[in-house]
Amino acid sequence: MSLTLRPGVCATDTADGMVLLDEVTGRYWQLNRTAAIILRSLVDGAEPPDTVRALCEAYPRLTAERADADTASITRALTEARLVVPV
């Protein structure tokens, strides 16, 4: 499932990952590098298995099982925070 940022949410890369700002509420979220890779991948149109592969390439010691769990967890958290919507 690919994602897109909800209207009114903007993303900015940082040295340590990414920051998301909800321009309506003024709330912001700081994503670490792993979460930023996941979000970028899914927003760029990748499916979760592609995102898992991207994480494993970025972090060679990471297992596919852990990458899959991280992808699911970040996707769920961003969706529950209403920062992203499925495409």
Protein backbone atom coordinates (compact mmCIF):
# COMPACT_ATOMS: atom_id res chain seq x y z
CA MET A 1 0.00 0.00 0.00
CA SER A 2 1.53 3.27 -1.14
CA LEU A 3 0.92 6.38 0.93
CA THR A 4 0.67 10.11 0.42
CA LEU A 5 0.95 12.91 2.92
CA ARG A 6 -2.42 14.20 4.01
CA PRO A 7 -3.18 17.69 2.65
CA GLY A 8 -1.81 20.24 5.09
CA VAL A 9 1.13 18.05 6.14
CA CYS A 10 4.59 18.97 4.92
CA ALA A 11 7.84 17.04 5.24
CA THR A 12 11.39 18.32 5.60
CA ASP A 13 14.53 16.23 5.60
CA THR A 14 16.92 16.67 8.51
CA ALA A 15 20.40 15.37 9.26
CA ASP A 16 18.87 12.62 11.43
CA GLY A 17 15.77 11.78 9.38
CA MET A 18 12.74 13.92 8.70
CA VAL A 19 10.26 16.28 10.36
CA LEU A 20 6.55 16.32 9.53
CA LEU A 21 4.46 19.40 10.26
CA ASP A 22 0.68 19.44 10.39
CA GLU A 23 0.07 23.00 9.23
CA VAL A 24 -3.52 22.92 10.52
CA THR A 25 -2.77 21.97 14.13
CA GLY A 26 0.82 23.21 14.34
CA ARG A 27 1.96 19.82 15.67
CA TYR A 28 5.12 18.27 14.36
CA TRP A 29 6.70 14.84 14.43
CA GLN A 30 10.36 13.97 14.19
CA LEU A 31 11.15 10.76 12.33
CA ASN A 32 14.43 8.93 12.73
CA ARG A 33 16.37 7.73 9.67
CA THR A 34 14.59 4.39 9.55
CA ALA A 35 11.12 5.94 9.68
CA ALA A 36 12.17 8.50 7.06
CA ILE A 37 13.32 5.74 4.68
CA ILE A 38 10.00 3.95 5.19
CA LEU A 39 7.92 7.07 4.59
CA ARG A 40 9.93 8.18 1.55
CA SER A 41 9.69 4.73 0.02
CA LEU A 42 5.93 4.41 0.48
CA VAL A 43 5.25 7.99 -0.67
CA ASP A 44 7.38 7.34 -3.76
CA GLY A 45 4.97 4.54 -4.68
CA ALA A 46 6.78 1.48 -3.32
CA GLU A 47 4.83 -1.37 -1.80
CA PRO A 48 5.77 -2.66 1.68
CA PRO A 49 7.96 -5.55 0.37
CA ASP A 50 9.97 -3.01 -1.66
CA THR A 51 10.30 -0.85 1.43
CA VAL A 52 11.57 -3.83 3.44
CA ARG A 53 14.24 -4.43 0.78
CA ALA A 54 15.23 -0.73 0.86
CA LEU A 55 15.65 -0.91 4.64
CA CYS A 56 17.74 -4.06 4.40
CA GLU A 57 19.97 -2.38 1.80
CA ALA A 58 20.37 0.70 4.01
CA TYR A 59 21.05 -1.40 7.11
CA PRO A 60 22.77 -4.68 6.09
CA ARG A 61 22.59 -6.13 9.62
CA LEU A 62 18.81 -5.65 9.74
CA THR A 63 16.75 -8.81 9.24
CA ALA A 64 13.86 -8.85 6.80
CA GLU A 65 11.52 -9.77 9.67
CA ARG A 66 12.54 -6.72 11.69
CA ALA A 67 12.35 -4.46 8.62
CA ASP A 68 8.85 -5.77 7.92
CA ALA A 69 7.76 -5.15 11.52
CA ASP A 70 9.26 -1.64 11.46
CA THR A 71 7.51 -0.86 8.17
CA ALA A 72 4.16 -2.01 9.54
CA SER A 73 4.65 -0.13 12.81
CA ILE A 74 5.64 3.17 11.20
CA THR A 75 2.85 2.91 8.62
CA ARG A 76 0.31 2.28 11.38
CA ALA A 77 1.62 5.15 13.55
CA LEU A 78 1.64 7.67 10.69
CA THR A 79 -1.85 6.61 9.63
CA GLU A 80 -3.22 6.80 13.19
CA ALA A 81 -1.68 10.27 13.59
CA ARG A 82 -3.53 11.24 10.39
CA LEU A 83 -0.32 12.34 8.70
CA VAL A 84 -0.69 10.02 5.71
CA VAL A 85 -3.46 8.41 3.71
CA PRO A 86 -3.38 5.34 1.44
CA VAL A 87 -3.13 5.93 -2.29
